[in-house]
């Protein structure tokens, strides 16, 4: 892959990763248009998501710091309650437990943790098939169609006017399950998380922010799996320099575009993005044939 191709791939990653249209699917399609489709491995797609991670951390660092603090506070209070229960086992009437989910950020931390569990499980389960499917336009096109379907279904939920600012445990599990499918090229990570939260009755604004924050543990976990599974660098099969250029371009583009993307997804009809995914899916199918 040339430097220009890597730069274009990074810019495309930085834009599409924050819209429900599958950045990995676009990279696979772009690779085939460049004639480098066989180089678009799962490792390369995972590496490009590092740029997405950098952008999310840069833009939402305040929220992430509050979430980290909430997680530490939850552990502290949980150990305190455990110590109280052990120390006063013979006198349960004297036990004074501390409330755990006392703030919105504590609740959000738990919801994100619950969503991450099924995502990690499905990512491990689908990893081998996804590795074989990486770069395959037929699979990628099918992934775009699946993303479109979930966006269409979730659009009816948001159009019903029933929404809330938080998510319940079942909704967090559903969101994690749907996001776990995004290991398959063409299935949008952001789109699946957004659709899951929307199907759970959350407002579009909350669903978008939840999807962005949920990508942090998902991307970090994916990178850890890549390193544990191969013990080699993130570059994949495209070369170290092009890969680093792509990551840098994705991070910079993401930082500049993320806030704009958040507003677009929160205010636009999801059916527009679904229609776009259907169109790109058809293009993938035509090129495959």
C-alpha atoms as a PDB file:
ATOM      1  CA  UNK A   1       0.000   0.000   0.000  1.00  0.00           C
ATOM      2  CA  UNK A   2       1.371   3.400  -0.979  1.00  0.00           C
ATOM      3  CA  UNK A   3       1.582   6.414   1.299  1.00  0.00           C
ATOM      4  CA  UNK A   4      -1.225   8.186  -0.614  1.00  0.00           C
ATOM      5  CA  UNK A   5      -3.484   5.150  -0.297  1.00  0.00           C
ATOM      6  CA  UNK A   6      -2.731   4.923   3.432  1.00  0.00           C
ATOM      7  CA  UNK A   7      -3.508   8.628   3.845  1.00  0.00           C
ATOM      8  CA  UNK A   8      -6.839   8.274   2.048  1.00  0.00           C
ATOM      9  CA  UNK A   9      -7.660   5.179   4.094  1.00  0.00           C
ATOM     10  CA  UNK A  10      -6.949   7.073   7.312  1.00  0.00           C
ATOM     11  CA  UNK A  11      -9.152  10.006   6.335  1.00  0.00           C
ATOM     12  CA  UNK A  12     -11.938   7.593   5.368  1.00  0.00           C
ATOM     13  CA  UNK A  13     -11.542   5.768   8.677  1.00  0.00           C
ATOM     14  CA  UNK A  14     -11.677   9.042  10.615  1.00  0.00           C
ATOM     15  CA  UNK A  15     -14.959  10.019   8.969  1.00  0.00           C
ATOM     16  CA  UNK A  16     -16.857   6.746   8.723  1.00  0.00           C
ATOM     17  CA  UNK A  17     -15.910   5.355  12.156  1.00  0.00           C
ATOM     18  CA  UNK A  18     -18.145   7.947  13.834  1.00  0.00           C
ATOM     19  CA  UNK A  19     -21.094   7.369  11.531  1.00  0.00           C
ATOM     20  CA  UNK A  20     -23.244   4.198  11.522  1.00  0.00           C
ATOM     21  CA  UNK A  21     -21.893   3.108   8.132  1.00  0.00           C
ATOM     22  CA  UNK A  22     -18.991   0.721   8.942  1.00  0.00           C
ATOM     23  CA  UNK A  23     -15.471   2.089   8.603  1.00  0.00           C
ATOM     24  CA  UNK A  24     -14.063  -1.443   8.169  1.00  0.00           C
ATOM     25  CA  UNK A  25     -16.421  -2.092   5.253  1.00  0.00           C
ATOM     26  CA  UNK A  26     -15.330   1.129   3.570  1.00  0.00           C
ATOM     27  CA  UNK A  27     -11.661   0.196   3.997  1.00  0.00           C
ATOM     28  CA  UNK A  28     -12.278  -3.209   2.425  1.00  0.00           C
ATOM     29  CA  UNK A  29     -14.079  -1.577  -0.507  1.00  0.00           C
ATOM     30  CA  UNK A  30     -11.360   1.041  -0.900  1.00  0.00           C
ATOM     31  CA  UNK A  31      -8.712  -1.679  -0.836  1.00  0.00           C
ATOM     32  CA  UNK A  32     -10.390  -3.463  -3.748  1.00  0.00           C
ATOM     33  CA  UNK A  33     -10.698  -0.214  -5.698  1.00  0.00           C
ATOM     34  CA  UNK A  34      -6.965   0.332  -5.151  1.00  0.00           C
ATOM     35  CA  UNK A  35      -6.243  -3.253  -6.141  1.00  0.00           C
ATOM     36  CA  UNK A  36      -4.897  -4.091  -2.666  1.00  0.00           C
ATOM     37  CA  UNK A  37      -7.915  -5.993  -1.351  1.00  0.00           C
ATOM     38  CA  UNK A  38      -5.850  -8.984  -0.232  1.00  0.00           C
ATOM     39  CA  UNK A  39      -3.816  -6.682   2.031  1.00  0.00           C
ATOM     40  CA  UNK A  40      -6.884  -5.563   3.995  1.00  0.00           C
ATOM     41  CA  UNK A  41      -6.495  -8.076   6.812  1.00  0.00           C
ATOM     42  CA  UNK A  42      -8.301  -8.118  10.138  1.00  0.00           C
ATOM     43  CA  UNK A  43      -5.041  -6.995  11.733  1.00  0.00           C
ATOM     44  CA  UNK A  44      -4.890  -3.926   9.503  1.00  0.00           C
ATOM     45  CA  UNK A  45      -8.529  -3.046  10.231  1.00  0.00           C
ATOM     46  CA  UNK A  46      -7.817  -3.360  13.956  1.00  0.00           C
ATOM     47  CA  UNK A  47      -4.758  -1.134  13.642  1.00  0.00           C
ATOM     48  CA  UNK A  48      -6.738   1.584  11.886  1.00  0.00           C
ATOM     49  CA  UNK A  49      -9.170   1.636  14.796  1.00  0.00           C
ATOM     50  CA  UNK A  50      -6.305   2.910  16.930  1.00  0.00           C
ATOM     51  CA  UNK A  51      -6.823   6.265  15.219  1.00  0.00           C
ATOM     52  CA  UNK A  52     -10.483   6.136  16.209  1.00  0.00           C
ATOM     53  CA  UNK A  53      -9.500   5.401  19.804  1.00  0.00           C
ATOM     54  CA  UNK A  54      -7.114   8.356  19.909  1.00  0.00           C
ATOM     55  CA  UNK A  55      -9.830  10.687  18.625  1.00  0.00           C
ATOM     56  CA  UNK A  56     -12.417   9.486  21.159  1.00  0.00           C
ATOM     57  CA  UNK A  57      -9.980   9.824  24.060  1.00  0.00           C
ATOM     58  CA  UNK A  58      -8.963  13.317  22.917  1.00  0.00           C
ATOM     59  CA  UNK A  59     -12.530  14.607  22.519  1.00  0.00           C
ATOM     60  CA  UNK A  60     -14.195  12.827  25.449  1.00  0.00           C
ATOM     61  CA  UNK A  61     -11.316  12.806  27.920  1.00  0.00           C
ATOM     62  CA  UNK A  62     -13.397  14.533  30.612  1.00  0.00           C
ATOM     63  CA  UNK A  63     -16.114  11.875  30.422  1.00  0.00           C
ATOM     64  CA  UNK A  64     -13.514   9.100  30.391  1.00  0.00           C
ATOM     65  CA  UNK A  65     -11.729  10.509  33.442  1.00  0.00           C
ATOM     66  CA  UNK A  66     -15.034  10.711  35.312  1.00  0.00           C
ATOM     67  CA  UNK A  67     -15.825   7.143  34.302  1.00  0.00           C
ATOM     68  CA  UNK A  68     -12.427   5.964  35.585  1.00  0.00           C
ATOM     69  CA  UNK A  69     -13.022   7.763  38.865  1.00  0.00           C
ATOM     70  CA  UNK A  70     -16.509   6.236  39.083  1.00  0.00           C
ATOM     71  CA  UNK A  71     -15.040   2.775  38.557  1.00  0.00           C
ATOM     72  CA  UNK A  72     -12.497   3.312  41.351  1.00  0.00           C
ATOM     73  CA  UNK A  73     -15.227   4.587  43.683  1.00  0.00           C
ATOM     74  CA  UNK A  74     -17.419   1.557  42.908  1.00  0.00           C
ATOM     75  CA  UNK A  75     -14.573  -0.813  43.779  1.00  0.00           C
ATOM     76  CA  UNK A  76     -13.827   1.108  46.972  1.00  0.00           C
ATOM     77  CA  UNK A  77     -17.434   0.998  48.170  1.00  0.00           C
ATOM     78  CA  UNK A  78     -17.827  -2.651  47.141  1.00  0.00           C
ATOM     79  CA  UNK A  79     -14.785  -3.677  49.192  1.00  0.00           C
ATOM     80  CA  UNK A  80     -16.050  -1.575  52.085  1.00  0.00           C
ATOM     81  CA  UNK A  81     -19.415  -3.368  51.993  1.00  0.00           C
ATOM     82  CA  UNK A  82     -17.677  -6.735  51.794  1.00  0.00           C
ATOM     83  CA  UNK A  83     -15.522  -5.857  54.797  1.00  0.00           C
ATOM     84  CA  UNK A  84     -18.573  -4.771  56.738  1.00  0.00           C
ATOM     85  CA  UNK A  85     -20.386  -7.995  55.937  1.00  0.00           C
ATOM     86  CA  UNK A  86     -17.430 -10.132  57.076  1.00  0.00           C
ATOM     87  CA  UNK A  87     -16.689  -8.109  60.186  1.00  0.00           C
ATOM     88  CA  UNK A  88     -20.283  -7.918  61.371  1.00  0.00           C
ATOM     89  CA  UNK A  89     -21.487 -11.311  60.155  1.00  0.00           C
ATOM     90  CA  UNK A  90     -22.834 -12.110  63.600  1.00  0.00           C
ATOM     91  CA  UNK A  91     -24.572  -8.755  63.879  1.00  0.00           C
ATOM     92  CA  UNK A  92     -26.278  -8.080  60.519  1.00  0.00           C
ATOM     93  CA  UNK A  93     -28.444  -5.395  62.089  1.00  0.00           C
ATOM     94  CA  UNK A  94     -25.361  -3.239  62.600  1.00  0.00           C
ATOM     95  CA  UNK A  95     -24.184  -3.399  58.995  1.00  0.00           C
ATOM     96  CA  UNK A  96     -24.402  -0.083  57.163  1.00  0.00           C
ATOM     97  CA  UNK A  97     -23.837  -0.655  53.480  1.00  0.00           C
ATOM     98  CA  UNK A  98     -22.771   2.087  51.108  1.00  0.00           C
ATOM     99  CA  UNK A  99     -24.890   2.646  48.013  1.00  0.00           C
ATOM    100  CA  UNK A 100     -23.006   1.739  44.840  1.00  0.00           C
ATOM    101  CA  UNK A 101     -24.900   3.345  41.943  1.00  0.00           C
ATOM    102  CA  UNK A 102     -25.254   6.811  43.434  1.00  0.00           C
ATOM    103  CA  UNK A 103     -24.257   8.950  40.423  1.00  0.00           C
ATOM    104  CA  UNK A 104     -24.959   8.967  36.697  1.00  0.00           C
ATOM    105  CA  UNK A 105     -21.327   8.212  35.909  1.00  0.00           C
ATOM    106  CA  UNK A 106     -21.333   5.199  38.214  1.00  0.00           C
ATOM    107  CA  UNK A 107     -24.412   3.872  36.441  1.00  0.00           C
ATOM    108  CA  UNK A 108     -22.837   4.597  33.057  1.00  0.00           C
ATOM    109  CA  UNK A 109     -19.658   2.768  34.078  1.00  0.00           C
ATOM    110  CA  UNK A 110     -21.655  -0.352  35.015  1.00  0.00           C
ATOM    111  CA  UNK A 111     -23.729  -0.186  31.828  1.00  0.00           C
ATOM    112  CA  UNK A 112     -20.591   0.037  29.698  1.00  0.00           C
ATOM    113  CA  UNK A 113     -19.055  -2.874  31.591  1.00  0.00           C
ATOM    114  CA  UNK A 114     -22.175  -4.993  31.051  1.00  0.00           C
ATOM    115  CA  UNK A 115     -22.147  -4.167  27.318  1.00  0.00           C
ATOM    116  CA  UNK A 116     -18.464  -5.025  27.009  1.00  0.00           C
ATOM    117  CA  UNK A 117     -18.894  -8.609  28.272  1.00  0.00           C
ATOM    118  CA  UNK A 118     -21.026  -9.985  25.385  1.00  0.00           C
ATOM    119  CA  UNK A 119     -19.005  -7.921  22.911  1.00  0.00           C
ATOM    120  CA  UNK A 120     -15.796  -9.606  24.075  1.00  0.00           C
ATOM    121  CA  UNK A 121     -17.402 -13.059  24.005  1.00  0.00           C
ATOM    122  CA  UNK A 122     -18.747 -12.685  20.461  1.00  0.00           C
ATOM    123  CA  UNK A 123     -15.499 -11.139  19.241  1.00  0.00           C
ATOM    124  CA  UNK A 124     -13.627 -14.225  20.420  1.00  0.00           C
ATOM    125  CA  UNK A 125     -16.250 -16.550  18.975  1.00  0.00           C
ATOM    126  CA  UNK A 126     -16.349 -14.863  15.553  1.00  0.00           C
ATOM    127  CA  UNK A 127     -12.676 -14.036  15.318  1.00  0.00           C
ATOM    128  CA  UNK A 128     -11.608 -16.983  13.150  1.00  0.00           C
ATOM    129  CA  UNK A 129     -14.468 -16.609  10.630  1.00  0.00           C
ATOM    130  CA  UNK A 130     -13.847 -12.846  10.526  1.00  0.00           C
ATOM    131  CA  UNK A 131     -10.151 -13.391   9.752  1.00  0.00           C
ATOM    132  CA  UNK A 132     -11.069 -15.578   6.800  1.00  0.00           C
ATOM    133  CA  UNK A 133     -13.709 -13.086   5.635  1.00  0.00           C
ATOM    134  CA  UNK A 134     -11.499  -9.983   5.873  1.00  0.00           C
ATOM    135  CA  UNK A 135     -11.230  -8.450   2.412  1.00  0.00           C
ATOM    136  CA  UNK A 136     -14.147 -10.489   1.022  1.00  0.00           C
ATOM    137  CA  UNK A 137     -16.641  -8.202  -0.725  1.00  0.00           C
ATOM    138  CA  UNK A 138     -19.499 -10.696  -0.450  1.00  0.00           C
ATOM    139  CA  UNK A 139     -19.201 -10.805   3.346  1.00  0.00           C
ATOM    140  CA  UNK A 140     -18.642  -7.056   3.501  1.00  0.00           C
ATOM    141  CA  UNK A 141     -21.753  -6.358   1.422  1.00  0.00           C
ATOM    142  CA  UNK A 142     -23.806  -8.667   3.647  1.00  0.00           C
ATOM    143  CA  UNK A 143     -22.456  -6.796   6.676  1.00  0.00           C
ATOM    144  CA  UNK A 144     -23.646  -3.495   5.200  1.00  0.00           C
ATOM    145  CA  UNK A 145     -27.117  -4.979   4.678  1.00  0.00           C
ATOM    146  CA  UNK A 146     -27.220  -6.193   8.290  1.00  0.00           C
ATOM    147  CA  UNK A 147     -26.235  -2.733   9.516  1.00  0.00           C
ATOM    148  CA  UNK A 148     -28.971  -1.192   7.376  1.00  0.00           C
ATOM    149  CA  UNK A 149     -31.552  -3.618   8.762  1.00  0.00           C
ATOM    150  CA  UNK A 150     -30.743  -2.785  12.381  1.00  0.00           C
ATOM    151  CA  UNK A 151     -30.763   0.949  11.654  1.00  0.00           C
ATOM    152  CA  UNK A 152     -34.163   0.655   9.977  1.00  0.00           C
ATOM    153  CA  UNK A 153     -35.638  -1.300  12.874  1.00  0.00           C
ATOM    154  CA  UNK A 154     -34.208   1.103  15.471  1.00  0.00           C
ATOM    155  CA  UNK A 155     -35.525   4.115  13.544  1.00  0.00           C
ATOM    156  CA  UNK A 156     -39.086   3.060  14.331  1.00  0.00           C
ATOM    157  CA  UNK A 157     -38.254   2.963  18.028  1.00  0.00           C
ATOM    158  CA  UNK A 158     -36.825   6.494  18.058  1.00  0.00           C
ATOM    159  CA  UNK A 159     -39.722   7.719  15.918  1.00  0.00           C
ATOM    160  CA  UNK A 160     -42.217   6.477  18.516  1.00  0.00           C
ATOM    161  CA  UNK A 161     -41.284   9.319  20.842  1.00  0.00           C
ATOM    162  CA  UNK A 162     -40.564   6.970  23.779  1.00  0.00           C
ATOM    163  CA  UNK A 163     -37.038   7.641  24.978  1.00  0.00           C
ATOM    164  CA  UNK A 164     -35.021   7.988  28.159  1.00  0.00           C
ATOM    165  CA  UNK A 165     -31.628   9.357  29.095  1.00  0.00           C
ATOM    166  CA  UNK A 166     -30.282   6.062  30.442  1.00  0.00           C
ATOM    167  CA  UNK A 167     -30.152   2.397  29.560  1.00  0.00           C
ATOM    168  CA  UNK A 168     -31.271  -0.630  31.566  1.00  0.00           C
ATOM    169  CA  UNK A 169     -29.255  -3.804  32.074  1.00  0.00           C
ATOM    170  CA  UNK A 170     -31.103  -5.775  29.396  1.00  0.00           C
ATOM    171  CA  UNK A 171     -30.530  -2.920  26.988  1.00  0.00           C
ATOM    172  CA  UNK A 172     -26.834  -2.836  27.847  1.00  0.00           C
ATOM    173  CA  UNK A 173     -26.597  -6.581  27.148  1.00  0.00           C
ATOM    174  CA  UNK A 174     -28.443  -6.212  23.840  1.00  0.00           C
ATOM    175  CA  UNK A 175     -26.136  -3.372  22.813  1.00  0.00           C
ATOM    176  CA  UNK A 176     -23.085  -5.470  23.656  1.00  0.00           C
ATOM    177  CA  UNK A 177     -24.372  -8.428  21.660  1.00  0.00           C
ATOM    178  CA  UNK A 178     -25.030  -6.308  18.588  1.00  0.00           C
ATOM    179  CA  UNK A 179     -21.655  -4.565  18.824  1.00  0.00           C
ATOM    180  CA  UNK A 180     -19.958  -7.965  19.049  1.00  0.00           C
ATOM    181  CA  UNK A 181     -21.071  -8.605  15.473  1.00  0.00           C
ATOM    182  CA  UNK A 182     -18.994  -5.645  14.273  1.00  0.00           C
ATOM    183  CA  UNK A 183     -15.877  -7.831  14.089  1.00  0.00           C
ATOM    184  CA  UNK A 184     -17.304  -8.837  10.695  1.00  0.00           C
ATOM    185  CA  UNK A 185     -16.351  -6.337   7.936  1.00  0.00           C
ATOM    186  CA  UNK A 186     -19.320  -4.262   6.833  1.00  0.00           C
ATOM    187  CA  UNK A 187     -21.068  -4.476  10.189  1.00  0.00           C
ATOM    188  CA  UNK A 188     -20.783  -1.037  11.773  1.00  0.00           C
ATOM    189  CA  UNK A 189     -19.506  -0.975  15.356  1.00  0.00           C
ATOM    190  CA  UNK A 190     -21.010   2.431  15.938  1.00  0.00           C
ATOM    191  CA  UNK A 191     -24.212   1.501  14.093  1.00  0.00           C
ATOM    192  CA  UNK A 192     -24.731  -1.667  16.124  1.00  0.00           C
ATOM    193  CA  UNK A 193     -24.180   0.091  19.458  1.00  0.00           C
ATOM    194  CA  UNK A 194     -26.415   2.983  18.410  1.00  0.00           C
ATOM    195  CA  UNK A 195     -29.150   0.601  17.240  1.00  0.00           C
ATOM    196  CA  UNK A 196     -28.926  -1.450  20.437  1.00  0.00           C
ATOM    197  CA  UNK A 197     -29.320   1.580  22.683  1.00  0.00           C
ATOM    198  CA  UNK A 198     -32.134   2.943  20.505  1.00  0.00           C
ATOM    199  CA  UNK A 199     -33.972  -0.399  20.548  1.00  0.00           C
ATOM    200  CA  UNK A 200     -33.703  -0.285  24.351  1.00  0.00           C
ATOM    201  CA  UNK A 201     -35.694   2.939  24.368  1.00  0.00           C
ATOM    202  CA  UNK A 202     -32.863   5.439  24.811  1.00  0.00           C
ATOM    203  CA  UNK A 203     -32.880   8.864  23.234  1.00  0.00           C
ATOM    204  CA  UNK A 204     -30.849   9.356  20.065  1.00  0.00           C
ATOM    205  CA  UNK A 205     -28.511  11.792  21.813  1.00  0.00           C
ATOM    206  CA  UNK A 206     -27.741   9.311  24.592  1.00  0.00           C
ATOM    207  CA  UNK A 207     -27.462   6.417  22.136  1.00  0.00           C
ATOM    208  CA  UNK A 208     -24.828   8.240  20.079  1.00  0.00           C
ATOM    209  CA  UNK A 209     -22.709   9.192  23.104  1.00  0.00           C
ATOM    210  CA  UNK A 210     -23.043   5.690  24.547  1.00  0.00           C
ATOM    211  CA  UNK A 211     -21.868   4.176  21.251  1.00  0.00           C
ATOM    212  CA  UNK A 212     -18.816   6.439  21.174  1.00  0.00           C
ATOM    213  CA  UNK A 213     -17.798   5.686  24.768  1.00  0.00           C
ATOM    214  CA  UNK A 214     -18.398   1.958  24.301  1.00  0.00           C
ATOM    215  CA  UNK A 215     -15.876   1.852  21.463  1.00  0.00           C
ATOM    216  CA  UNK A 216     -13.017   2.515  23.920  1.00  0.00           C
ATOM    217  CA  UNK A 217     -13.041  -0.866  25.728  1.00  0.00           C
ATOM    218  CA  UNK A 218     -13.993  -2.607  22.472  1.00  0.00           C
ATOM    219  CA  UNK A 219     -11.021  -1.225  20.533  1.00  0.00           C
ATOM    220  CA  UNK A 220      -8.570  -1.711  23.416  1.00  0.00           C
ATOM    221  CA  UNK A 221      -9.755  -5.301  23.849  1.00  0.00           C
ATOM    222  CA  UNK A 222      -9.456  -5.960  20.119  1.00  0.00           C
ATOM    223  CA  UNK A 223      -5.899  -4.666  20.047  1.00  0.00           C
ATOM    224  CA  UNK A 224      -4.960  -6.810  23.037  1.00  0.00           C
ATOM    225  CA  UNK A 225      -6.374  -9.868  21.276  1.00  0.00           C
ATOM    226  CA  UNK A 226      -4.392  -9.035  18.144  1.00  0.00           C
ATOM    227  CA  UNK A 227      -1.148  -8.798  20.079  1.00  0.00           C
ATOM    228  CA  UNK A 228      -1.832 -11.879  22.194  1.00  0.00           C
ATOM    229  CA  UNK A 229      -2.761 -13.905  19.141  1.00  0.00           C
ATOM    230  CA  UNK A 230       0.208 -13.030  16.949  1.00  0.00           C
ATOM    231  CA  UNK A 231       2.843 -11.253  18.993  1.00  0.00           C
ATOM    232  CA  UNK A 232       3.702  -9.013  16.055  1.00  0.00           C
ATOM    233  CA  UNK A 233       3.233  -5.352  15.234  1.00  0.00           C
ATOM    234  CA  UNK A 234      -0.034  -3.683  14.310  1.00  0.00           C
ATOM    235  CA  UNK A 235       0.932  -3.059  10.738  1.00  0.00           C
ATOM    236  CA  UNK A 236      -0.746  -6.103   9.193  1.00  0.00           C
ATOM    237  CA  UNK A 237       0.432  -6.768   5.621  1.00  0.00           C
ATOM    238  CA  UNK A 238       0.567  -3.206   4.277  1.00  0.00           C
ATOM    239  CA  UNK A 239       3.875  -1.993   5.728  1.00  0.00           C
ATOM    240  CA  UNK A 240       4.772  -0.127   8.906  1.00  0.00           C
ATOM    241  CA  UNK A 241       5.053   3.390   7.483  1.00  0.00           C
ATOM    242  CA  UNK A 242       1.746   3.346   5.548  1.00  0.00           C
ATOM    243  CA  UNK A 243       0.001   1.893   8.583  1.00  0.00           C
ATOM    244  CA  UNK A 244       1.343   4.613  10.890  1.00  0.00           C
ATOM    245  CA  UNK A 245       0.356   7.296   8.366  1.00  0.00           C
ATOM    246  CA  UNK A 246      -3.143   5.819   8.181  1.00  0.00           C
ATOM    247  CA  UNK A 247      -3.502   5.767  11.967  1.00  0.00           C
ATOM    248  CA  UNK A 248      -2.320   9.380  12.258  1.00  0.00           C
ATOM    249  CA  UNK A 249      -4.688  10.514   9.499  1.00  0.00           C
ATOM    250  CA  UNK A 250      -7.588   8.652  11.119  1.00  0.00           C
ATOM    251  CA  UNK A 251      -6.863  10.224  14.508  1.00  0.00           C
ATOM    252  CA  UNK A 252      -6.578  13.778  13.164  1.00  0.00           C
ATOM    253  CA  UNK A 253      -9.651  13.462  10.954  1.00  0.00           C
ATOM    254  CA  UNK A 254     -11.586  11.909  13.808  1.00  0.00           C
ATOM    255  CA  UNK A 255     -10.723  14.731  16.195  1.00  0.00           C
ATOM    256  CA  UNK A 256     -11.876  17.311  13.655  1.00  0.00           C
ATOM    257  CA  UNK A 257     -15.025  15.428  12.617  1.00  0.00           C
ATOM    258  CA  UNK A 258     -16.264  13.668  15.757  1.00  0.00           C
ATOM    259  CA  UNK A 259     -18.407  16.471  17.187  1.00  0.00           C
ATOM    260  CA  UNK A 260     -19.943  17.119  13.793  1.00  0.00           C
ATOM    261  CA  UNK A 261     -20.683  13.418  13.383  1.00  0.00           C
ATOM    262  CA  UNK A 262     -22.303  13.268  16.808  1.00  0.00           C
ATOM    263  CA  UNK A 263     -24.705  16.023  15.823  1.00  0.00           C
ATOM    264  CA  UNK A 264     -25.445  14.422  12.457  1.00  0.00           C
ATOM    265  CA  UNK A 265     -26.346  11.021  13.884  1.00  0.00           C
ATOM    266  CA  UNK A 266     -28.366  12.514  16.742  1.00  0.00           C
ATOM    267  CA  UNK A 267     -30.469  14.757  14.506  1.00  0.00           C
ATOM    268  CA  UNK A 268     -30.748  12.911  11.192  1.00  0.00           C
ATOM    269  CA  UNK A 269     -33.192  10.116  10.451  1.00  0.00           C
ATOM    270  CA  UNK A 270     -31.447   6.740  10.848  1.00  0.00           C
ATOM    271  CA  UNK A 271     -33.162   5.575   7.666  1.00  0.00           C
ATOM    272  CA  UNK A 272     -30.879   7.859   5.662  1.00  0.00           C
ATOM    273  CA  UNK A 273     -27.829   6.027   6.966  1.00  0.00           C
ATOM    274  CA  UNK A 274     -29.612   2.724   6.355  1.00  0.00           C
ATOM    275  CA  UNK A 275     -30.220   3.698   2.747  1.00  0.00           C
ATOM    276  CA  UNK A 276     -26.558   4.622   2.349  1.00  0.00           C
ATOM    277  CA  UNK A 277     -25.480   1.232   3.758  1.00  0.00           C
ATOM    278  CA  UNK A 278     -27.794  -0.548   1.331  1.00  0.00           C
ATOM    279  CA  UNK A 279     -26.284   1.374  -1.585  1.00  0.00           C
ATOM    280  CA  UNK A 280     -22.702   0.569  -0.521  1.00  0.00           C
ATOM    281  CA  UNK A 281     -23.697  -3.047   0.058  1.00  0.00           C
ATOM    282  CA  UNK A 282     -25.037  -3.292  -3.480  1.00  0.00           C
ATOM    283  CA  UNK A 283     -21.782  -1.841  -4.824  1.00  0.00           C
ATOM    284  CA  UNK A 284     -19.825  -4.489  -2.902  1.00  0.00           C
ATOM    285  CA  UNK A 285     -22.016  -7.244  -4.310  1.00  0.00           C
ATOM    286  CA  UNK A 286     -21.661  -5.958  -7.887  1.00  0.00           C
ATOM    287  CA  UNK A 287     -17.868  -5.736  -7.580  1.00  0.00           C
ATOM    288  CA  UNK A 288     -17.765  -9.230  -6.088  1.00  0.00           C
ATOM    289  CA  UNK A 289     -19.653 -10.631  -9.059  1.00  0.00           C
END
